[in-house]
PDB file of N, CA and C in Angstrom:
ATOM      1  N   MET A   1     103.643  99.305 106.928  1.00  0.00           N
ATOM      2  CA  MET A   1     103.358  98.192 106.449  1.00  0.00           C
ATOM      3  C   MET A   1     102.665  97.703 107.674  1.00  0.00           C
ATOM      4  N   LYS A   2     103.061  97.634 108.945  1.00  0.00           N
ATOM      5  CA  LYS A   2     101.971  97.165 110.415  1.00  0.00           C
ATOM      6  C   LYS A   2     100.785  98.026 109.723  1.00  0.00           C
ATOM      7  N   ILE A   3     100.762  99.094 109.637  1.00  0.00           N
ATOM      8  CA  ILE A   3      99.513 100.039 109.621  1.00  0.00           C
ATOM      9  C   ILE A   3      98.508  99.369 108.790  1.00  0.00           C
ATOM     10  N   LYS A   4      99.058  99.547 107.382  1.00  0.00           N
ATOM     11  CA  LYS A   4      98.309  98.669 106.466  1.00  0.00           C
ATOM     12  C   LYS A   4      97.420  97.213 106.658  1.00  0.00           C
ATOM     13  N   ASN A   5      98.205  96.586 107.395  1.00  0.00           N
ATOM     14  CA  ASN A   5      97.928  95.230 107.651  1.00  0.00           C
ATOM     15  C   ASN A   5      96.730  95.720 108.704  1.00  0.00           C
ATOM     16  N   ILE A   6      96.951  96.453 109.407  1.00  0.00           N
ATOM     17  CA  ILE A   6      95.755  96.189 110.552  1.00  0.00           C
ATOM     18  C   ILE A   6      94.610  96.894 109.756  1.00  0.00           C
ATOM     19  N   LEU A   7      94.756  98.206 109.158  1.00  0.00           N
ATOM     20  CA  LEU A   7      93.954  98.633 108.206  1.00  0.00           C
ATOM     21  C   LEU A   7      92.739  97.347 107.810  1.00  0.00           C
ATOM     22  N   LEU A   8      93.936  96.993 106.712  1.00  0.00           N
ATOM     23  CA  LEU A   8      93.428  95.889 105.701  1.00  0.00           C
ATOM     24  C   LEU A   8      92.414  94.646 106.582  1.00  0.00           C
ATOM     25  N   THR A   9      92.690  94.485 107.838  1.00  0.00           N
ATOM     26  CA  THR A   9      92.560  93.594 109.163  1.00  0.00           C
ATOM     27  C   THR A   9      91.070  94.131 109.306  1.00  0.00           C
ATOM     28  N   LEU A  10      90.865  95.386 109.593  1.00  0.00           N
ATOM     29  CA  LEU A  10      90.165  96.329 110.181  1.00  0.00           C
ATOM     30  C   LEU A  10      88.745  96.216 109.129  1.00  0.00           C
ATOM     31  N   CYS A  11      88.951  96.323 107.915  1.00  0.00           N
ATOM     32  CA  CYS A  11      88.246  96.642 107.362  1.00  0.00           C
ATOM     33  C   CYS A  11      87.443  95.328 106.631  1.00  0.00           C
ATOM     34  N   THR A  12      88.181  94.319 107.016  1.00  0.00           N
ATOM     35  CA  THR A  12      87.551  92.674 106.722  1.00  0.00           C
ATOM     36  C   THR A  12      87.189  92.499 107.802  1.00  0.00           C
ATOM     37  N   SER A  13      87.147  92.795 108.724  1.00  0.00           N
ATOM     38  CA  SER A  13      86.331  92.629 110.016  1.00  0.00           C
ATOM     39  C   SER A  13      84.932  93.256 109.935  1.00  0.00           C
ATOM     40  N   LEU A  14      85.155  94.451 109.536  1.00  0.00           N
ATOM     41  CA  LEU A  14      83.932  95.099 109.302  1.00  0.00           C
ATOM     42  C   LEU A  14      82.796  94.492 108.058  1.00  0.00           C
ATOM     43  N   LEU A  15      83.572  94.463 107.078  1.00  0.00           N
ATOM     44  CA  LEU A  15      82.721  93.967 106.143  1.00  0.00           C
ATOM     45  C   LEU A  15      81.994  92.750 106.727  1.00  0.00           C
ATOM     46  N   LEU A  16      82.949  91.892 107.153  1.00  0.00           N
ATOM     47  CA  LEU A  16      81.983  90.540 107.717  1.00  0.00           C
ATOM     48  C   LEU A  16      81.574  90.190 108.064  1.00  0.00           C
ATOM     49  N   THR A  17      81.301  91.157 109.195  1.00  0.00           N
ATOM     50  CA  THR A  17      80.325  91.466 110.230  1.00  0.00           C
ATOM     51  C   THR A  17      78.940  91.854 109.944  1.00  0.00           C
ATOM     52  N   ASN A  18      79.294  92.941 108.957  1.00  0.00           N
ATOM     53  CA  ASN A  18      78.231  93.319 108.503  1.00  0.00           C
ATOM     54  C   ASN A  18      77.357  92.385 107.526  1.00  0.00           C
ATOM     55  N   VAL A  19      77.941  91.276 106.848  1.00  0.00           N
ATOM     56  CA  VAL A  19      77.423  90.833 105.980  1.00  0.00           C
ATOM     57  C   VAL A  19      76.965  88.882 106.603  1.00  0.00           C
ATOM     58  N   ALA A  20      77.637  89.487 107.688  1.00  0.00           N
ATOM     59  CA  ALA A  20      77.430  87.829 108.603  1.00  0.00           C
ATOM     60  C   ALA A  20      76.293  87.762 109.016  1.00  0.00           C
ATOM     61  N   ALA A  21      75.491  88.963 109.378  1.00  0.00           N
ATOM     62  CA  ALA A  21      74.031  88.843 109.772  1.00  0.00           C
ATOM     63  C   ALA A  21      73.062  88.502 109.055  1.00  0.00           C
ATOM     64  N   HIS A  22      73.616  87.743 107.707  1.00  0.00           N
ATOM     65  CA  HIS A  22      73.063  87.238 107.010  1.00  0.00           C
ATOM     66  C   HIS A  22      72.572  85.455 107.105  1.00  0.00           C
ATOM     67  N   ALA A  23      73.617  85.329 107.856  1.00  0.00           N
ATOM     68  CA  ALA A  23      73.859  83.410 108.602  1.00  0.00           C
ATOM     69  C   ALA A  23      74.031  82.947 107.210  1.00  0.00           C
ATOM     70  N   LYS A  24      74.552  83.365 106.120  1.00  0.00           N
ATOM     71  CA  LYS A  24      75.651  82.533 104.919  1.00  0.00           C
ATOM     72  C   LYS A  24      77.197  82.930 104.832  1.00  0.00           C
ATOM     73  N   GLU A  25      77.443  81.536 104.097  1.00  0.00           N
ATOM     74  CA  GLU A  25      78.794  82.198 104.208  1.00  0.00           C
ATOM     75  C   GLU A  25      79.070  82.878 103.147  1.00  0.00           C
ATOM     76  N   VAL A  26      79.952  84.037 103.478  1.00  0.00           N
ATOM     77  CA  VAL A  26      80.429  85.280 102.819  1.00  0.00           C
ATOM     78  C   VAL A  26      81.596  84.702 101.923  1.00  0.00           C
ATOM     79  N   LYS A  27      81.317  84.930 100.364  1.00  0.00           N
ATOM     80  CA  LYS A  27      81.768  85.199  99.538  1.00  0.00           C
ATOM     81  C   LYS A  27      82.624  86.453  98.734  1.00  0.00           C
ATOM     82  N   ILE A  28      83.870  86.284  99.007  1.00  0.00           N
ATOM     83  CA  ILE A  28      84.926  87.299  98.914  1.00  0.00           C
ATOM     84  C   ILE A  28      85.520  87.557  97.827  1.00  0.00           C
ATOM     85  N   GLY A  29      85.315  88.292  96.373  1.00  0.00           N
ATOM     86  CA  GLY A  29      86.641  88.092  95.112  1.00  0.00           C
ATOM     87  C   GLY A  29      87.178  88.975  95.334  1.00  0.00           C
ATOM     88  N   MET A  30      88.452  88.640  95.588  1.00  0.00           N
ATOM     89  CA  MET A  30      89.782  89.349  95.793  1.00  0.00           C
ATOM     90  C   MET A  30      90.422  89.905  94.401  1.00  0.00           C
ATOM     91  N   ALA A  31      90.570  90.917  93.849  1.00  0.00           N
ATOM     92  CA  ALA A  31      91.576  91.218  92.541  1.00  0.00           C
ATOM     93  C   ALA A  31      92.462  91.839  92.895  1.00  0.00           C
ATOM     94  N   ILE A  32      93.212  91.257  92.682  1.00  0.00           N
ATOM     95  CA  ILE A  32      94.650  91.826  92.961  1.00  0.00           C
ATOM     96  C   ILE A  32      95.831  92.289  91.393  1.00  0.00           C
ATOM     97  N   ASP A  33      95.893  93.494  91.315  1.00  0.00           N
ATOM     98  CA  ASP A  33      96.704  93.756  89.976  1.00  0.00           C
ATOM     99  C   ASP A  33      97.898  92.809  89.597  1.00  0.00           C
ATOM    100  N   ASP A  34      99.074  92.053  91.100  1.00  0.00           N
ATOM    101  CA  ASP A  34     100.013  91.588  90.301  1.00  0.00           C
ATOM    102  C   ASP A  34     100.357  90.765  91.673  1.00  0.00           C
ATOM    103  N   LEU A  35     100.022  89.575  91.692  1.00  0.00           N
ATOM    104  CA  LEU A  35     100.619  88.936  92.541  1.00  0.00           C
ATOM    105  C   LEU A  35     102.053  88.657  92.708  1.00  0.00           C
ATOM    106  N   ARG A  36     102.865  88.705  91.855  1.00  0.00           N
ATOM    107  CA  ARG A  36     104.346  88.457  91.176  1.00  0.00           C
ATOM    108  C   ARG A  36     105.013  89.449  92.470  1.00  0.00           C
ATOM    109  N   LEU A  37     104.312  90.665  93.093  1.00  0.00           N
ATOM    110  CA  LEU A  37     104.884  91.221  93.984  1.00  0.00           C
ATOM    111  C   LEU A  37     104.865  90.437  95.119  1.00  0.00           C
ATOM    112  N   GLU A  38     105.905  90.103  95.752  1.00  0.00           N
ATOM    113  CA  GLU A  38     106.186  89.730  97.092  1.00  0.00           C
ATOM    114  C   GLU A  38     105.050  90.165  98.671  1.00  0.00           C
ATOM    115  N   ARG A  39     104.805  91.927  98.064  1.00  0.00           N
ATOM    116  CA  ARG A  39     103.999  92.965  98.765  1.00  0.00           C
ATOM    117  C   ARG A  39     102.502  92.570  98.823  1.00  0.00           C
ATOM    118  N   TRP A  40     102.032  92.078  97.397  1.00  0.00           N
ATOM    119  CA  TRP A  40     100.666  91.271  97.388  1.00  0.00           C
ATOM    120  C   TRP A  40     100.457  90.325  98.007  1.00  0.00           C
ATOM    121  N   GLN A  41     101.338  89.439  97.811  1.00  0.00           N
ATOM    122  CA  GLN A  41     101.649  88.065  98.471  1.00  0.00           C
ATOM    123  C   GLN A  41     101.315  87.975  99.833  1.00  0.00           C
ATOM    124  N   LYS A  42     101.902  89.151 100.695  1.00  0.00           N
ATOM    125  CA  LYS A  42     101.663  88.915 101.943  1.00  0.00           C
ATOM    126  C   LYS A  42     100.575  89.425 102.437  1.00  0.00           C
ATOM    127  N   ASP A  43     100.226  90.458 101.803  1.00  0.00           N
ATOM    128  CA  ASP A  43      98.904  90.513 102.200  1.00  0.00           C
ATOM    129  C   ASP A  43      97.571  90.210 101.538  1.00  0.00           C
ATOM    130  N   ARG A  44      97.386  89.298 100.746  1.00  0.00           N
ATOM    131  CA  ARG A  44      96.419  88.297 100.418  1.00  0.00           C
ATOM    132  C   ARG A  44      96.766  87.266 101.629  1.00  0.00           C
ATOM    133  N   ASP A  45      97.572  86.881 101.732  1.00  0.00           N
ATOM    134  CA  ASP A  45      97.481  85.470 102.777  1.00  0.00           C
ATOM    135  C   ASP A  45      97.137  86.303 103.821  1.00  0.00           C
ATOM    136  N   ILE A  46      97.492  87.358 104.705  1.00  0.00           N
ATOM    137  CA  ILE A  46      97.219  87.968 105.936  1.00  0.00           C
ATOM    138  C   ILE A  46      95.572  88.235 105.556  1.00  0.00           C
ATOM    139  N   PHE A  47      94.376  88.342 104.335  1.00  0.00           N
ATOM    140  CA  PHE A  47      93.691  88.840 104.123  1.00  0.00           C
ATOM    141  C   PHE A  47      92.904  87.681 104.291  1.00  0.00           C
ATOM    142  N   VAL A  48      93.149  86.815 103.341  1.00  0.00           N
ATOM    143  CA  VAL A  48      92.485  85.302 103.295  1.00  0.00           C
ATOM    144  C   VAL A  48      92.642  84.453 104.527  1.00  0.00           C
ATOM    145  N   LYS A  49      93.554  84.503 105.162  1.00  0.00           N
ATOM    146  CA  LYS A  49      93.545  84.216 106.864  1.00  0.00           C
ATOM    147  C   LYS A  49      92.357  84.585 107.678  1.00  0.00           C
ATOM    148  N   LYS A  50      92.647  85.725 107.680  1.00  0.00           N
ATOM    149  CA  LYS A  50      91.514  86.674 108.560  1.00  0.00           C
ATOM    150  C   LYS A  50      90.274  86.315 108.038  1.00  0.00           C
ATOM    151  N   ALA A  51      89.931  86.200 106.733  1.00  0.00           N
ATOM    152  CA  ALA A  51      88.505  86.322 106.436  1.00  0.00           C
ATOM    153  C   ALA A  51      88.084  84.701 106.653  1.00  0.00           C
ATOM    154  N   GLU A  52      89.026  83.555 106.419  1.00  0.00           N
ATOM    155  CA  GLU A  52      88.600  82.611 106.912  1.00  0.00           C
ATOM    156  C   GLU A  52      88.414  82.113 107.946  1.00  0.00           C
ATOM    157  N   SER A  53      89.081  82.878 109.115  1.00  0.00           N
ATOM    158  CA  SER A  53      88.436  82.551 110.270  1.00  0.00           C
ATOM    159  C   SER A  53      87.491  83.003 110.793  1.00  0.00           C
ATOM    160  N   LEU A  54      87.066  84.003 110.020  1.00  0.00           N
ATOM    161  CA  LEU A  54      85.778  84.268 110.448  1.00  0.00           C
ATOM    162  C   LEU A  54      84.298  84.044 109.571  1.00  0.00           C
ATOM    163  N   GLY A  55      84.778  82.786 108.694  1.00  0.00           N
ATOM    164  CA  GLY A  55      83.689  82.244 108.105  1.00  0.00           C
ATOM    165  C   GLY A  55      83.730  82.209 106.491  1.00  0.00           C
ATOM    166  N   ALA A  56      84.505  83.199 105.719  1.00  0.00           N
ATOM    167  CA  ALA A  56      84.168  83.444 104.289  1.00  0.00           C
ATOM    168  C   ALA A  56      84.883  82.990 103.227  1.00  0.00           C
ATOM    169  N   LYS A  57      84.905  82.554 102.455  1.00  0.00           N
ATOM    170  CA  LYS A  57      85.441  81.872 101.615  1.00  0.00           C
ATOM    171  C   LYS A  57      85.643  82.905 100.666  1.00  0.00           C
ATOM    172  N   VAL A  58      87.153  83.469 100.289  1.00  0.00           N
ATOM    173  CA  VAL A  58      87.947  84.033  99.482  1.00  0.00           C
ATOM    174  C   VAL A  58      88.271  83.629  97.831  1.00  0.00           C
ATOM    175  N   PHE A  59      87.810  84.024  96.785  1.00  0.00           N
ATOM    176  CA  PHE A  59      88.202  83.685  95.628  1.00  0.00           C
ATOM    177  C   PHE A  59      89.535  84.880  95.261  1.00  0.00           C
ATOM    178  N   VAL A  60      90.753  84.343  94.763  1.00  0.00           N
ATOM    179  CA  VAL A  60      91.947  85.324  94.777  1.00  0.00           C
ATOM    180  C   VAL A  60      92.049  85.320  92.911  1.00  0.00           C
ATOM    181  N   GLN A  61      92.315  86.381  92.563  1.00  0.00           N
ATOM    182  CA  GLN A  61      92.633  86.355  91.107  1.00  0.00           C
ATOM    183  C   GLN A  61      93.744  87.401  91.456  1.00  0.00           C
ATOM    184  N   SER A  62      94.460  87.180  90.155  1.00  0.00           N
ATOM    185  CA  SER A  62      95.649  88.501  90.090  1.00  0.00           C
ATOM    186  C   SER A  62      95.844  88.531  88.835  1.00  0.00           C
ATOM    187  N   ALA A  63      96.040  89.557  88.083  1.00  0.00           N
ATOM    188  CA  ALA A  63      95.502  90.203  86.487  1.00  0.00           C
ATOM    189  C   ALA A  63      97.331  90.678  86.385  1.00  0.00           C
ATOM    190  N   ASN A  64      98.208  89.983  86.787  1.00  0.00           N
ATOM    191  CA  ASN A  64      99.683  90.059  86.476  1.00  0.00           C
ATOM    192  C   ASN A  64      99.693  91.638  85.539  1.00  0.00           C
ATOM    193  N   GLY A  65      99.225  92.496  86.226  1.00  0.00           N
ATOM    194  CA  GLY A  65      99.609  93.768  85.721  1.00  0.00           C
ATOM    195  C   GLY A  65      98.895  93.662  84.313  1.00  0.00           C
ATOM    196  N   ASN A  66      98.032  93.456  84.165  1.00  0.00           N
ATOM    197  CA  ASN A  66      97.148  93.532  83.045  1.00  0.00           C
ATOM    198  C   ASN A  66      95.672  94.100  83.060  1.00  0.00           C
ATOM    199  N   GLU A  67      95.151  95.396  82.826  1.00  0.00           N
ATOM    200  CA  GLU A  67      93.978  95.602  82.889  1.00  0.00           C
ATOM    201  C   GLU A  67      92.844  95.071  82.603  1.00  0.00           C
ATOM    202  N   GLU A  68      93.175  94.529  81.139  1.00  0.00           N
ATOM    203  CA  GLU A  68      91.956  93.602  80.345  1.00  0.00           C
ATOM    204  C   GLU A  68      91.382  92.885  81.321  1.00  0.00           C
ATOM    205  N   THR A  69      92.818  91.713  81.914  1.00  0.00           N
ATOM    206  CA  THR A  69      92.520  90.493  82.615  1.00  0.00           C
ATOM    207  C   THR A  69      91.397  90.935  83.851  1.00  0.00           C
ATOM    208  N   GLN A  70      92.331  91.999  84.320  1.00  0.00           N
ATOM    209  CA  GLN A  70      91.770  92.281  85.771  1.00  0.00           C
ATOM    210  C   GLN A  70      89.887  92.455  85.472  1.00  0.00           C
ATOM    211  N   MET A  71      90.026  93.598  84.616  1.00  0.00           N
ATOM    212  CA  MET A  71      88.376  93.622  84.417  1.00  0.00           C
ATOM    213  C   MET A  71      87.621  92.530  84.134  1.00  0.00           C
ATOM    214  N   SER A  72      88.776  91.650  83.296  1.00  0.00           N
ATOM    215  CA  SER A  72      87.416  90.522  83.014  1.00  0.00           C
ATOM    216  C   SER A  72      87.073  89.525  84.508  1.00  0.00           C
ATOM    217  N   GLN A  73      88.460  89.507  84.944  1.00  0.00           N
ATOM    218  CA  GLN A  73      88.465  88.422  86.283  1.00  0.00           C
ATOM    219  C   GLN A  73      87.317  88.935  87.301  1.00  0.00           C
ATOM    220  N   ILE A  74      87.181  90.321  87.374  1.00  0.00           N
ATOM    221  CA  ILE A  74      86.202  91.035  88.245  1.00  0.00           C
ATOM    222  C   ILE A  74      84.934  90.811  87.823  1.00  0.00           C
ATOM    223  N   GLU A  75      84.273  90.915  86.132  1.00  0.00           N
ATOM    224  CA  GLU A  75      83.275  90.549  86.025  1.00  0.00           C
ATOM    225  C   GLU A  75      82.816  89.266  86.026  1.00  0.00           C
ATOM    226  N   ASN A  76      84.032  88.177  86.127  1.00  0.00           N
ATOM    227  CA  ASN A  76      83.699  86.865  86.435  1.00  0.00           C
ATOM    228  C   ASN A  76      83.405  86.645  87.703  1.00  0.00           C
ATOM    229  N   MET A  77      84.128  87.506  88.712  1.00  0.00           N
ATOM    230  CA  MET A  77      84.050  87.314  90.317  1.00  0.00           C
ATOM    231  C   MET A  77      82.285  87.844  90.543  1.00  0.00           C
ATOM    232  N   ILE A  78      81.950  88.725  89.559  1.00  0.00           N
ATOM    233  CA  ILE A  78      80.384  89.349  89.798  1.00  0.00           C
ATOM    234  C   ILE A  78      79.384  88.120  89.736  1.00  0.00           C
ATOM    235  N   ASN A  79      79.726  87.792  88.221  1.00  0.00           N
ATOM    236  CA  ASN A  79      78.750  86.240  87.729  1.00  0.00           C
ATOM    237  C   ASN A  79      78.692  85.241  88.687  1.00  0.00           C
ATOM    238  N   ARG A  80      79.492  85.237  89.599  1.00  0.00           N
ATOM    239  CA  ARG A  80      80.069  83.917  90.305  1.00  0.00           C
ATOM    240  C   ARG A  80      79.398  84.024  91.793  1.00  0.00           C
ATOM    241  N   GLY A  81      78.702  85.135  91.959  1.00  0.00           N
ATOM    242  CA  GLY A  81      77.646  85.625  92.967  1.00  0.00           C
ATOM    243  C   GLY A  81      78.577  86.361  94.280  1.00  0.00           C
ATOM    244  N   VAL A  82      79.881  86.897  94.197  1.00  0.00           N
ATOM    245  CA  VAL A  82      80.357  87.228  95.410  1.00  0.00           C
ATOM    246  C   VAL A  82      79.844  88.095  96.106  1.00  0.00           C
ATOM    247  N   ASP A  83      79.691  88.341  97.132  1.00  0.00           N
ATOM    248  CA  ASP A  83      79.379  89.382  98.377  1.00  0.00           C
ATOM    249  C   ASP A  83      80.134  90.606  98.360  1.00  0.00           C
ATOM    250  N   VAL A  84      80.808  90.251  98.455  1.00  0.00           N
ATOM    251  CA  VAL A  84      82.106  91.647  98.694  1.00  0.00           C
ATOM    252  C   VAL A  84      83.193  91.494  97.805  1.00  0.00           C
ATOM    253  N   LEU A  85      83.419  92.710  96.522  1.00  0.00           N
ATOM    254  CA  LEU A  85      85.112  92.573  96.042  1.00  0.00           C
ATOM    255  C   LEU A  85      85.692  93.613  96.764  1.00  0.00           C
ATOM    256  N   VAL A  86      87.202  92.493  96.861  1.00  0.00           N
ATOM    257  CA  VAL A  86      88.125  93.532  97.326  1.00  0.00           C
ATOM    258  C   VAL A  86      88.919  93.939  96.180  1.00  0.00           C
ATOM    259  N   ILE A  87      89.042  95.135  95.747  1.00  0.00           N
ATOM    260  CA  ILE A  87      89.829  95.777  94.477  1.00  0.00           C
ATOM    261  C   ILE A  87      91.359  95.897  94.622  1.00  0.00           C
ATOM    262  N   ILE A  88      92.178  95.625  94.545  1.00  0.00           N
ATOM    263  CA  ILE A  88      93.586  96.281  94.348  1.00  0.00           C
ATOM    264  C   ILE A  88      93.627  96.515  92.610  1.00  0.00           C
ATOM    265  N   PRO A  89      93.370  97.719  92.060  1.00  0.00           N
ATOM    266  CA  PRO A  89      93.586  97.913  91.237  1.00  0.00           C
ATOM    267  C   PRO A  89      94.880  98.142  90.031  1.00  0.00           C
ATOM    268  N   TYR A  90      95.137  97.703  88.984  1.00  0.00           N
ATOM    269  CA  TYR A  90      96.170  97.662  88.175  1.00  0.00           C
ATOM    270  C   TYR A  90      95.957  99.146  87.827  1.00  0.00           C
ATOM    271  N   ASN A  91      94.899  99.610  87.191  1.00  0.00           N
ATOM    272  CA  ASN A  91      94.623 100.778  86.485  1.00  0.00           C
ATOM    273  C   ASN A  91      92.736 101.050  87.019  1.00  0.00           C
ATOM    274  N   GLY A  92      92.718 101.930  88.182  1.00  0.00           N
ATOM    275  CA  GLY A  92      91.332 101.873  88.487  1.00  0.00           C
ATOM    276  C   GLY A  92      90.734 102.720  87.818  1.00  0.00           C
ATOM    277  N   GLN A  93      91.164 103.449  86.821  1.00  0.00           N
ATOM    278  CA  GLN A  93      90.368 104.667  86.507  1.00  0.00           C
ATOM    279  C   GLN A  93      89.546 103.515  84.992  1.00  0.00           C
ATOM    280  N   VAL A  94      90.148 102.366  84.605  1.00  0.00           N
ATOM    281  CA  VAL A  94      89.582 101.757  83.463  1.00  0.00           C
ATOM    282  C   VAL A  94      88.500 100.539  84.134  1.00  0.00           C
ATOM    283  N   LEU A  95      88.432 100.585  85.320  1.00  0.00           N
ATOM    284  CA  LEU A  95      87.597  99.538  86.040  1.00  0.00           C
ATOM    285  C   LEU A  95      86.195 100.251  86.951  1.00  0.00           C
ATOM    286  N   SER A  96      85.947 101.617  86.347  1.00  0.00           N
ATOM    287  CA  SER A  96      84.547 102.279  86.759  1.00  0.00           C
ATOM    288  C   SER A  96      83.472 101.521  86.901  1.00  0.00           C
ATOM    289  N   ASN A  97      83.437 101.021  85.215  1.00  0.00           N
ATOM    290  CA  ASN A  97      82.091 100.330  84.921  1.00  0.00           C
ATOM    291  C   ASN A  97      81.916  99.222  85.454  1.00  0.00           C
ATOM    292  N   VAL A  98      82.997  98.017  85.676  1.00  0.00           N
ATOM    293  CA  VAL A  98      82.742  97.100  86.727  1.00  0.00           C
ATOM    294  C   VAL A  98      82.449  97.158  87.893  1.00  0.00           C
ATOM    295  N   VAL A  99      82.903  98.396  88.273  1.00  0.00           N
ATOM    296  CA  VAL A  99      82.496  98.411  90.068  1.00  0.00           C
ATOM    297  C   VAL A  99      81.137  98.778  90.019  1.00  0.00           C
ATOM    298  N   LYS A 100      80.648 100.000  89.113  1.00  0.00           N
ATOM    299  CA  LYS A 100      79.115 100.253  89.079  1.00  0.00           C
ATOM    300  C   LYS A 100      78.134  99.273  88.785  1.00  0.00           C
ATOM    301  N   GLU A 101      78.865  98.162  88.149  1.00  0.00           N
ATOM    302  CA  GLU A 101      78.083  96.802  87.800  1.00  0.00           C
ATOM    303  C   GLU A 101      77.926  95.813  88.521  1.00  0.00           C
ATOM    304  N   ALA A 102      78.844  95.981  89.794  1.00  0.00           N
ATOM    305  CA  ALA A 102      79.288  95.195  90.809  1.00  0.00           C
ATOM    306  C   ALA A 102      77.786  95.965  92.327  1.00  0.00           C
ATOM    307  N   LYS A 103      78.096  96.710  92.208  1.00  0.00           N
ATOM    308  CA  LYS A 103      77.307  97.539  93.060  1.00  0.00           C
ATOM    309  C   LYS A 103      75.543  98.216  92.996  1.00  0.00           C
ATOM    310  N   GLN A 104      75.553  97.692  91.469  1.00  0.00           N
ATOM    311  CA  GLN A 104      74.040  97.599  90.709  1.00  0.00           C
ATOM    312  C   GLN A 104      73.690  96.295  91.045  1.00  0.00           C
ATOM    313  N   GLU A 105      74.944  95.112  91.336  1.00  0.00           N
ATOM    314  CA  GLU A 105      74.040  93.398  91.677  1.00  0.00           C
ATOM    315  C   GLU A 105      74.163  93.560  92.928  1.00  0.00           C
ATOM    316  N   GLY A 106      74.363  94.695  93.935  1.00  0.00           N
ATOM    317  CA  GLY A 106      74.555  94.746  95.196  1.00  0.00           C
ATOM    318  C   GLY A 106      75.500  94.513  95.887  1.00  0.00           C
ATOM    319  N   ILE A 107      76.555  94.260  95.479  1.00  0.00           N
ATOM    320  CA  ILE A 107      77.762  93.716  95.934  1.00  0.00           C
ATOM    321  C   ILE A 107      78.433  94.629  96.300  1.00  0.00           C
ATOM    322  N   LYS A 108      79.116  94.753  97.444  1.00  0.00           N
ATOM    323  CA  LYS A 108      79.594  95.735  98.288  1.00  0.00           C
ATOM    324  C   LYS A 108      81.396  95.713  97.625  1.00  0.00           C
ATOM    325  N   VAL A 109      81.596  96.715  97.655  1.00  0.00           N
ATOM    326  CA  VAL A 109      82.596  97.065  96.638  1.00  0.00           C
ATOM    327  C   VAL A 109      83.890  97.594  97.827  1.00  0.00           C
TER     328      VAL A 109
END
């Protein structure tokens, strides 16, 4: 678990360092498959705390184990103009189109 937290923190730092050079508040969309699970709650809290300490605004969505809900939430975040998407997929195979759409919009995934 500690290794995952360290990796999550490192990824957050790298993403924010890369985007921070643009001198604007970084908006991060975090799409989680199911926040009813304690593990994802802890990861969310660690991620949000670190991202906000680096000056980012984080929007967190939980699909509650529903792939259609998650796809809709990710599309909503794309429309809101997030700079970065962090996706913990319920079913990664069905998200390929929205990930492609995000990348076409210049969003880091």
